[in-house]
């Protein structure tokens, strides 16, 4: 899930943070991708309007994996 999509859905980073039960500074620390735990919360908070896509997170963990 992309941070820009999350913020666009809720209108502001503050509103997105409130919906997920975190501080605005927490949301501000995220880069382009919402951490998977919060992506799951966002999917539930938006009744599925935003989707958690496990494949986005597989690429991140695979890239950092040791051979």
Protein backbone atom coordinates (compact mmCIF):
# COMPACT_ATOMS: atom_id res chain seq x y z
CA UNK A 1 0.00 0.00 0.00
CA UNK A 2 1.38 3.37 -0.97
CA UNK A 3 1.47 6.16 1.59
CA UNK A 4 0.18 8.66 -0.98
CA UNK A 5 -2.93 6.51 -1.56
CA UNK A 6 -3.58 6.25 2.18
CA UNK A 7 -3.28 10.01 2.68
CA UNK A 8 -5.37 10.73 -0.43
CA UNK A 9 -8.13 8.44 0.84
CA UNK A 10 -8.37 10.19 4.20
CA UNK A 11 -7.59 13.68 2.88
CA UNK A 12 -4.66 14.47 5.18
CA UNK A 13 -1.86 12.65 6.95
CA UNK A 14 -3.44 13.71 10.24
CA UNK A 15 -6.77 12.11 9.33
CA UNK A 16 -5.01 8.94 8.13
CA UNK A 17 -3.06 8.75 11.39
CA UNK A 18 -6.22 9.18 13.45
CA UNK A 19 -8.01 6.43 11.49
CA UNK A 20 -5.12 4.04 12.17
CA UNK A 21 -4.68 5.05 15.79
CA UNK A 22 -1.15 6.39 15.37
CA UNK A 23 0.44 9.82 15.58
CA UNK A 24 0.94 12.06 12.57
CA UNK A 25 4.68 11.82 13.15
CA UNK A 26 4.46 8.04 12.75
CA UNK A 27 2.85 8.47 9.34
CA UNK A 28 5.42 11.12 8.44
CA UNK A 29 8.25 8.65 9.10
CA UNK A 30 6.95 6.18 6.51
CA UNK A 31 8.62 6.34 3.12
CA UNK A 32 6.63 5.38 0.00
CA UNK A 33 5.20 2.10 1.30
CA UNK A 34 3.00 1.87 4.40
CA UNK A 35 4.40 -0.79 6.79
CA UNK A 36 2.47 -4.03 6.35
CA UNK A 37 0.96 -3.98 9.84
CA UNK A 38 -0.58 -0.57 9.19
CA UNK A 39 -1.62 -1.54 5.67
CA UNK A 40 -3.72 -4.32 7.19
CA UNK A 41 -5.29 -1.81 9.59
CA UNK A 42 -5.93 0.61 6.73
CA UNK A 43 -7.69 -2.07 4.69
CA UNK A 44 -9.99 -2.75 7.63
CA UNK A 45 -10.50 0.96 8.45
CA UNK A 46 -11.49 1.70 4.83
CA UNK A 47 -13.76 -1.36 4.52
CA UNK A 48 -11.54 -2.62 1.71
CA UNK A 49 -11.34 0.60 -0.29
CA UNK A 50 -7.58 0.39 0.21
CA UNK A 51 -6.08 -3.06 -0.20
CA UNK A 52 -3.15 -4.72 1.53
CA UNK A 53 -1.07 -6.30 -1.24
CA UNK A 54 1.40 -8.85 0.16
CA UNK A 55 3.40 -8.81 -3.08
CA UNK A 56 4.55 -5.24 -2.38
CA UNK A 57 6.15 -6.45 0.84
CA UNK A 58 7.69 -9.62 -0.61
CA UNK A 59 9.83 -7.46 -2.89
CA UNK A 60 11.06 -5.40 0.06
CA UNK A 61 11.98 -8.38 2.25
CA UNK A 62 13.50 -10.33 -0.64
CA UNK A 63 15.71 -7.39 -1.57
CA UNK A 64 17.11 -7.24 1.96
CA UNK A 65 17.50 -11.00 2.40
CA UNK A 66 20.91 -12.56 2.82
CA UNK A 67 21.87 -15.27 0.29
